[in-house]
């Protein structure tokens, strides 16, 4: 299975909250970095952090690019019971057929600040 398909499958497992299935995608000594919060995890900690995160979330892959041993994804992560959502840009680096490094950048989905709305600068990418 190509690395790009593995990332599609990984996000599907996360979407279904099949946490125990995540281990198969990573090397034993993989490093997972959440750069926005300055946290670095081993695989066990990464799985635990996801298990403990509150709520029932839905994952939608918006973009997926593969280059050699690197796969980059952009996903929308949305709480099923409210309007809270985030986007994550993830850089998956593979060693053989497993993820060795994962660097993720998370951002809140929000409306433009009022000062830009008042100045009529920009327009929505999508209408919600």
N, C-alpha and C. Protein backbone atom coordinates (compact mmCIF):
# COMPACT_ATOMS: atom_id res chain seq x y z
N UNK A 1 0.85 -1.18 0.00
CA UNK A 1 0.00 0.00 0.00
C UNK A 1 0.90 1.24 0.00
N UNK A 2 0.60 2.17 -0.86
CA UNK A 2 1.39 3.39 -0.95
C UNK A 2 1.15 4.27 0.28
N UNK A 3 2.12 5.13 0.55
CA UNK A 3 2.05 5.98 1.74
C UNK A 3 0.81 6.88 1.74
N UNK A 4 0.43 7.38 0.59
CA UNK A 4 -0.75 8.25 0.51
C UNK A 4 -2.01 7.51 0.95
N UNK A 5 -2.16 6.28 0.52
CA UNK A 5 -3.31 5.47 0.92
C UNK A 5 -3.27 5.14 2.41
N UNK A 6 -2.07 4.98 2.95
CA UNK A 6 -1.95 4.72 4.39
C UNK A 6 -2.47 5.91 5.19
N UNK A 7 -2.20 7.12 4.73
CA UNK A 7 -2.68 8.31 5.44
C UNK A 7 -4.19 8.43 5.31
N UNK A 8 -4.74 8.09 4.17
CA UNK A 8 -6.21 8.06 4.02
C UNK A 8 -6.80 7.09 5.04
N UNK A 9 -6.19 5.91 5.15
CA UNK A 9 -6.67 4.91 6.11
C UNK A 9 -6.48 5.37 7.55
N UNK A 10 -5.35 6.01 7.84
CA UNK A 10 -5.11 6.53 9.20
C UNK A 10 -6.18 7.54 9.58
N UNK A 11 -6.49 8.50 8.70
CA UNK A 11 -7.52 9.48 9.02
C UNK A 11 -8.89 8.82 9.16
N UNK A 12 -9.15 7.77 8.41
CA UNK A 12 -10.42 7.03 8.56
C UNK A 12 -10.50 6.38 9.94
N UNK A 13 -9.39 5.82 10.42
CA UNK A 13 -9.37 5.23 11.76
C UNK A 13 -9.60 6.29 12.83
N UNK A 14 -8.98 7.45 12.65
CA UNK A 14 -9.17 8.55 13.62
C UNK A 14 -10.61 9.03 13.57
N UNK A 15 -11.18 9.13 12.38
CA UNK A 15 -12.58 9.54 12.24
C UNK A 15 -13.52 8.59 12.97
N UNK A 16 -13.21 7.30 12.91
CA UNK A 16 -14.04 6.29 13.59
C UNK A 16 -13.67 6.12 15.06
N UNK A 17 -12.66 6.84 15.51
CA UNK A 17 -12.13 6.76 16.86
C UNK A 17 -11.69 5.33 17.22
N UNK A 18 -11.08 4.66 16.26
CA UNK A 18 -10.51 3.33 16.45
C UNK A 18 -9.06 3.48 16.93
N UNK A 19 -8.93 3.94 18.17
CA UNK A 19 -7.62 4.35 18.67
C UNK A 19 -6.59 3.23 18.67
N UNK A 20 -6.97 2.01 19.03
CA UNK A 20 -6.00 0.92 19.09
C UNK A 20 -5.42 0.58 17.71
N UNK A 21 -6.13 0.94 16.66
CA UNK A 21 -5.64 0.64 15.31
C UNK A 21 -4.55 1.61 14.85
N UNK A 22 -4.33 2.71 15.57
CA UNK A 22 -3.36 3.70 15.13
C UNK A 22 -1.92 3.21 15.23
N UNK A 23 -1.65 2.33 16.19
CA UNK A 23 -0.28 1.87 16.41
C UNK A 23 0.34 1.26 15.16
N UNK A 24 -0.44 0.59 14.34
CA UNK A 24 0.09 -0.12 13.17
C UNK A 24 0.69 0.82 12.12
N UNK A 25 0.35 2.10 12.18
CA UNK A 25 0.82 3.05 11.16
C UNK A 25 2.17 3.67 11.49
N UNK A 26 2.64 3.52 12.74
CA UNK A 26 3.83 4.21 13.21
C UNK A 26 4.97 3.24 13.53
N UNK A 27 6.20 3.73 13.37
CA UNK A 27 7.34 2.98 13.88
C UNK A 27 7.28 3.03 15.40
N UNK A 28 7.94 2.10 16.06
CA UNK A 28 7.92 2.06 17.53
C UNK A 28 8.51 3.32 18.15
N UNK A 29 9.48 3.92 17.47
CA UNK A 29 10.14 5.11 18.02
C UNK A 29 9.70 6.40 17.32
N UNK A 30 8.53 6.39 16.74
CA UNK A 30 8.03 7.57 16.03
C UNK A 30 7.91 8.77 16.97
N UNK A 31 8.07 9.95 16.38
CA UNK A 31 7.93 11.21 17.10
C UNK A 31 6.79 11.99 16.46
N UNK A 32 5.87 12.45 17.30
CA UNK A 32 4.71 13.22 16.85
C UNK A 32 4.79 14.57 17.52
N UNK A 33 4.84 15.65 16.73
CA UNK A 33 4.94 17.01 17.25
C UNK A 33 3.68 17.80 16.93
N UNK A 34 3.11 18.40 17.96
CA UNK A 34 2.03 19.38 17.80
C UNK A 34 2.69 20.74 18.01
N UNK A 35 3.11 21.33 16.93
CA UNK A 35 3.96 22.51 16.99
C UNK A 35 3.28 23.73 17.61
N UNK A 36 1.98 23.91 17.40
CA UNK A 36 1.30 25.08 17.94
C UNK A 36 1.30 25.10 19.46
N UNK A 37 1.24 23.92 20.09
CA UNK A 37 1.22 23.86 21.55
C UNK A 37 2.57 23.42 22.13
N UNK A 38 3.60 23.33 21.27
CA UNK A 38 4.95 23.00 21.69
C UNK A 38 5.00 21.67 22.45
N UNK A 39 4.34 20.63 21.90
CA UNK A 39 4.31 19.31 22.53
C UNK A 39 4.88 18.27 21.56
N UNK A 40 5.63 17.35 22.14
CA UNK A 40 6.17 16.22 21.39
C UNK A 40 5.74 14.94 22.09
N UNK A 41 5.26 13.98 21.31
CA UNK A 41 4.72 12.74 21.85
C UNK A 41 5.41 11.53 21.24
N UNK A 42 5.47 10.45 22.02
CA UNK A 42 5.75 9.15 21.41
C UNK A 42 4.40 8.59 20.97
N UNK A 43 4.39 7.43 20.37
CA UNK A 43 3.15 6.88 19.81
C UNK A 43 2.12 6.62 20.92
N UNK A 44 2.54 6.05 22.03
CA UNK A 44 1.60 5.78 23.14
C UNK A 44 0.95 7.06 23.64
N UNK A 45 1.75 8.11 23.81
CA UNK A 45 1.21 9.39 24.29
C UNK A 45 0.27 10.02 23.27
N UNK A 46 0.62 9.92 22.00
CA UNK A 46 -0.22 10.45 20.92
C UNK A 46 -1.59 9.77 20.92
N UNK A 47 -1.58 8.45 21.01
CA UNK A 47 -2.85 7.71 21.02
C UNK A 47 -3.65 8.08 22.27
N UNK A 48 -2.99 8.16 23.41
CA UNK A 48 -3.69 8.52 24.65
C UNK A 48 -4.28 9.92 24.57
N UNK A 49 -3.51 10.88 24.04
CA UNK A 49 -4.02 12.25 23.90
C UNK A 49 -5.27 12.28 23.04
N UNK A 50 -5.29 11.49 21.98
CA UNK A 50 -6.48 11.43 21.12
C UNK A 50 -7.64 10.74 21.82
N UNK A 51 -7.35 9.67 22.56
CA UNK A 51 -8.40 8.96 23.32
C UNK A 51 -9.07 9.87 24.33
N UNK A 52 -8.28 10.68 25.00
CA UNK A 52 -8.78 11.51 26.09
C UNK A 52 -9.42 12.81 25.62
N UNK A 53 -9.17 13.19 24.36
CA UNK A 53 -9.71 14.46 23.89
C UNK A 53 -11.23 14.36 23.88
N UNK A 54 -11.91 15.33 24.50
CA UNK A 54 -13.37 15.20 24.66
C UNK A 54 -14.14 15.38 23.36
N UNK A 55 -15.26 14.70 23.28
CA UNK A 55 -16.18 14.90 22.16
C UNK A 55 -16.09 13.84 21.09
N UNK A 56 -17.04 13.89 20.20
CA UNK A 56 -17.13 12.99 19.05
C UNK A 56 -16.87 13.84 17.80
N UNK A 57 -15.73 13.59 17.16
CA UNK A 57 -15.26 14.44 16.08
C UNK A 57 -15.40 13.76 14.72
N UNK A 58 -15.55 14.55 13.70
CA UNK A 58 -15.59 14.05 12.33
C UNK A 58 -14.37 14.62 11.59
N UNK A 59 -13.75 13.78 10.78
CA UNK A 59 -12.56 14.17 10.02
C UNK A 59 -12.90 14.17 8.54
N UNK A 60 -12.57 15.25 7.86
CA UNK A 60 -12.71 15.33 6.40
C UNK A 60 -11.36 15.73 5.81
N UNK A 61 -10.84 14.89 4.92
CA UNK A 61 -9.58 15.21 4.24
C UNK A 61 -9.91 16.23 3.15
N UNK A 62 -9.22 17.37 3.19
CA UNK A 62 -9.43 18.42 2.19
C UNK A 62 -8.33 18.43 1.13
N UNK A 63 -7.14 18.00 1.50
CA UNK A 63 -6.04 17.97 0.54
C UNK A 63 -5.03 16.92 0.99
N UNK A 64 -4.43 16.26 0.02
CA UNK A 64 -3.46 15.21 0.31
C UNK A 64 -2.42 15.21 -0.81
N UNK A 65 -1.16 15.38 -0.44
CA UNK A 65 -0.06 15.41 -1.40
C UNK A 65 1.02 14.44 -0.96
N UNK A 66 1.61 13.72 -1.91
CA UNK A 66 2.67 12.77 -1.60
C UNK A 66 3.90 13.06 -2.45
N UNK A 67 5.08 13.05 -1.78
CA UNK A 67 6.36 13.26 -2.44
C UNK A 67 7.38 12.33 -1.80
N UNK A 68 7.81 11.33 -2.51
CA UNK A 68 8.78 10.37 -1.98
C UNK A 68 8.29 9.80 -0.64
N UNK A 69 9.05 10.04 0.44
CA UNK A 69 8.69 9.50 1.76
C UNK A 69 7.93 10.51 2.62
N UNK A 70 7.34 11.52 1.99
CA UNK A 70 6.59 12.56 2.70
C UNK A 70 5.16 12.62 2.17
N UNK A 71 4.20 12.65 3.09
CA UNK A 71 2.81 12.87 2.73
C UNK A 71 2.33 14.06 3.55
N UNK A 72 1.69 15.01 2.89
CA UNK A 72 1.14 16.20 3.54
C UNK A 72 -0.37 16.14 3.42
N UNK A 73 -1.05 16.33 4.55
CA UNK A 73 -2.51 16.35 4.51
C UNK A 73 -3.03 17.62 5.17
N UNK A 74 -4.19 18.06 4.69
CA UNK A 74 -4.95 19.12 5.34
C UNK A 74 -6.32 18.51 5.62
N UNK A 75 -6.71 18.52 6.89
CA UNK A 75 -7.99 17.96 7.28
C UNK A 75 -8.80 18.98 8.06
N UNK A 76 -10.12 18.86 7.94
CA UNK A 76 -11.03 19.62 8.78
C UNK A 76 -11.51 18.67 9.86
N UNK A 77 -11.39 19.10 11.10
CA UNK A 77 -11.79 18.31 12.27
C UNK A 77 -12.93 19.07 12.92
N UNK A 78 -14.10 18.44 12.96
CA UNK A 78 -15.31 19.14 13.41
C UNK A 78 -16.03 18.33 14.46
N UNK A 79 -16.38 18.98 15.57
CA UNK A 79 -17.18 18.34 16.61
C UNK A 79 -18.57 18.11 16.04
N UNK A 80 -19.05 16.86 16.11
CA UNK A 80 -20.33 16.51 15.49
C UNK A 80 -21.51 17.23 16.12
N UNK A 81 -21.41 17.61 17.39
CA UNK A 81 -22.57 18.18 18.08
C UNK A 81 -22.55 19.70 18.17
N UNK A 82 -21.59 20.37 17.54
CA UNK A 82 -21.57 21.83 17.60
C UNK A 82 -20.84 22.40 16.39
N UNK A 83 -20.64 23.69 16.42
CA UNK A 83 -19.97 24.37 15.31
C UNK A 83 -18.48 24.54 15.52
N UNK A 84 -17.92 23.88 16.53
CA UNK A 84 -16.47 23.97 16.77
C UNK A 84 -15.75 23.14 15.72
N UNK A 85 -14.75 23.75 15.08
CA UNK A 85 -13.96 23.00 14.11
C UNK A 85 -12.55 23.58 14.02
N UNK A 86 -11.66 22.76 13.52
CA UNK A 86 -10.26 23.11 13.36
C UNK A 86 -9.80 22.62 12.00
N UNK A 87 -8.66 23.11 11.59
CA UNK A 87 -7.97 22.53 10.45
C UNK A 87 -6.57 22.15 10.92
N UNK A 88 -6.12 21.02 10.43
CA UNK A 88 -4.77 20.55 10.76
C UNK A 88 -4.01 20.31 9.46
N UNK A 89 -2.81 20.83 9.41
CA UNK A 89 -1.89 20.53 8.33
C UNK A 89 -0.83 19.61 8.92
N UNK A 90 -0.70 18.43 8.32
CA UNK A 90 0.15 17.38 8.88
C UNK A 90 1.20 16.95 7.86
N UNK A 91 2.42 16.82 8.34
CA UNK A 91 3.54 16.37 7.53
C UNK A 91 3.98 15.01 8.07
N UNK A 92 3.70 13.95 7.30
CA UNK A 92 4.02 12.58 7.67
C UNK A 92 5.28 12.15 6.94
N UNK A 93 6.33 11.81 7.69
CA UNK A 93 7.56 11.32 7.10
C UNK A 93 7.67 9.83 7.38
N UNK A 94 7.90 9.06 6.32
CA UNK A 94 7.92 7.60 6.42
C UNK A 94 9.33 7.05 6.46
N UNK A 95 9.48 5.97 7.21
CA UNK A 95 10.68 5.15 7.21
C UNK A 95 10.20 3.78 6.77
N UNK A 96 10.62 3.37 5.59
CA UNK A 96 10.07 2.16 4.96
C UNK A 96 8.58 2.37 4.75
N UNK A 97 7.74 1.63 5.45
CA UNK A 97 6.30 1.73 5.21
C UNK A 97 5.52 2.23 6.42
N UNK A 98 6.24 2.85 7.39
CA UNK A 98 5.57 3.35 8.60
C UNK A 98 5.97 4.80 8.87
N UNK A 99 5.11 5.49 9.59
CA UNK A 99 5.36 6.90 9.92
C UNK A 99 6.44 6.98 10.99
N UNK A 100 7.48 7.74 10.69
CA UNK A 100 8.60 7.93 11.64
C UNK A 100 8.49 9.29 12.32
N UNK A 101 8.06 10.30 11.57
CA UNK A 101 7.90 11.66 12.09
C UNK A 101 6.55 12.19 11.65
N UNK A 102 5.87 12.87 12.56
CA UNK A 102 4.63 13.56 12.23
C UNK A 102 4.70 14.94 12.86
N UNK A 103 4.65 15.95 12.02
CA UNK A 103 4.60 17.34 12.48
C UNK A 103 3.26 17.91 12.09
N UNK A 104 2.48 18.35 13.12
CA UNK A 104 1.14 18.87 12.86
C UNK A 104 1.02 20.32 13.32
N UNK A 105 0.26 21.06 12.54
CA UNK A 105 -0.04 22.46 12.82
C UNK A 105 -1.55 22.61 12.84
N UNK A 106 -2.10 23.04 13.99
CA UNK A 106 -3.54 23.13 14.19
C UNK A 106 -3.96 24.59 14.26
N UNK A 107 -5.11 24.88 13.67
CA UNK A 107 -5.67 26.22 13.74
C UNK A 107 -7.18 26.15 13.91
N UNK A 108 -7.71 27.08 14.69
CA UNK A 108 -9.17 27.19 14.87
C UNK A 108 -9.79 27.74 13.60
N UNK A 109 -10.95 27.24 13.26
CA UNK A 109 -11.74 27.84 12.19
C UNK A 109 -12.58 28.95 12.82
N UNK A 110 -12.48 30.13 12.28
CA UNK A 110 -13.16 31.28 12.87
C UNK A 110 -13.57 32.27 11.77
N UNK A 111 -14.36 33.22 12.16
CA UNK A 111 -14.74 34.30 11.25
C UNK A 111 -13.61 35.33 11.19
N UNK A 112 -13.59 36.10 10.12
CA UNK A 112 -12.61 37.18 10.01
C UNK A 112 -12.82 38.17 11.15
N UNK A 113 -11.75 38.80 11.63
CA UNK A 113 -11.92 39.79 12.69
C UNK A 113 -12.76 40.98 12.20
N UNK A 114 -13.48 41.56 13.12
CA UNK A 114 -14.43 42.63 12.78
C UNK A 114 -13.75 43.80 12.07
N UNK A 115 -12.51 44.13 12.42
CA UNK A 115 -11.86 45.28 11.79
C UNK A 115 -11.68 45.06 10.29
N UNK A 116 -11.43 43.80 9.87
CA UNK A 116 -11.30 43.55 8.43
C UNK A 116 -12.66 43.54 7.76
N UNK A 117 -13.67 43.02 8.45
CA UNK A 117 -15.03 43.06 7.92
C UNK A 117 -15.44 44.51 7.72
N UNK A 118 -15.20 45.36 8.74
CA UNK A 118 -15.57 46.78 8.66
C UNK A 118 -14.86 47.49 7.51
N UNK A 119 -13.63 47.08 7.22
CA UNK A 119 -12.88 47.71 6.14
C UNK A 119 -13.17 47.08 4.78
N UNK A 120 -14.01 46.03 4.78
CA UNK A 120 -14.36 45.33 3.55
C UNK A 120 -13.11 44.78 2.84
N UNK A 121 -12.23 44.18 3.66
CA UNK A 121 -11.00 43.57 3.13
C UNK A 121 -11.23 42.06 3.07
N UNK A 122 -11.07 41.49 1.91
CA UNK A 122 -11.23 40.04 1.74
C UNK A 122 -12.68 39.63 1.61
N UNK A 123 -12.85 38.34 1.38
CA UNK A 123 -14.18 37.74 1.27
C UNK A 123 -14.08 36.30 1.76
N UNK A 124 -15.21 35.71 2.13
CA UNK A 124 -15.16 34.31 2.61
C UNK A 124 -14.66 33.36 1.51
N UNK A 125 -13.88 32.39 1.91
CA UNK A 125 -13.45 31.34 0.99
C UNK A 125 -14.65 30.47 0.65
N UNK A 126 -15.40 30.09 1.70
CA UNK A 126 -16.65 29.34 1.52
C UNK A 126 -17.73 30.01 2.36
N UNK A 127 -18.93 29.97 1.88
CA UNK A 127 -20.03 30.51 2.66
C UNK A 127 -20.56 29.43 3.58
N UNK A 128 -20.64 29.76 4.88
CA UNK A 128 -21.12 28.77 5.84
C UNK A 128 -22.48 29.11 6.34
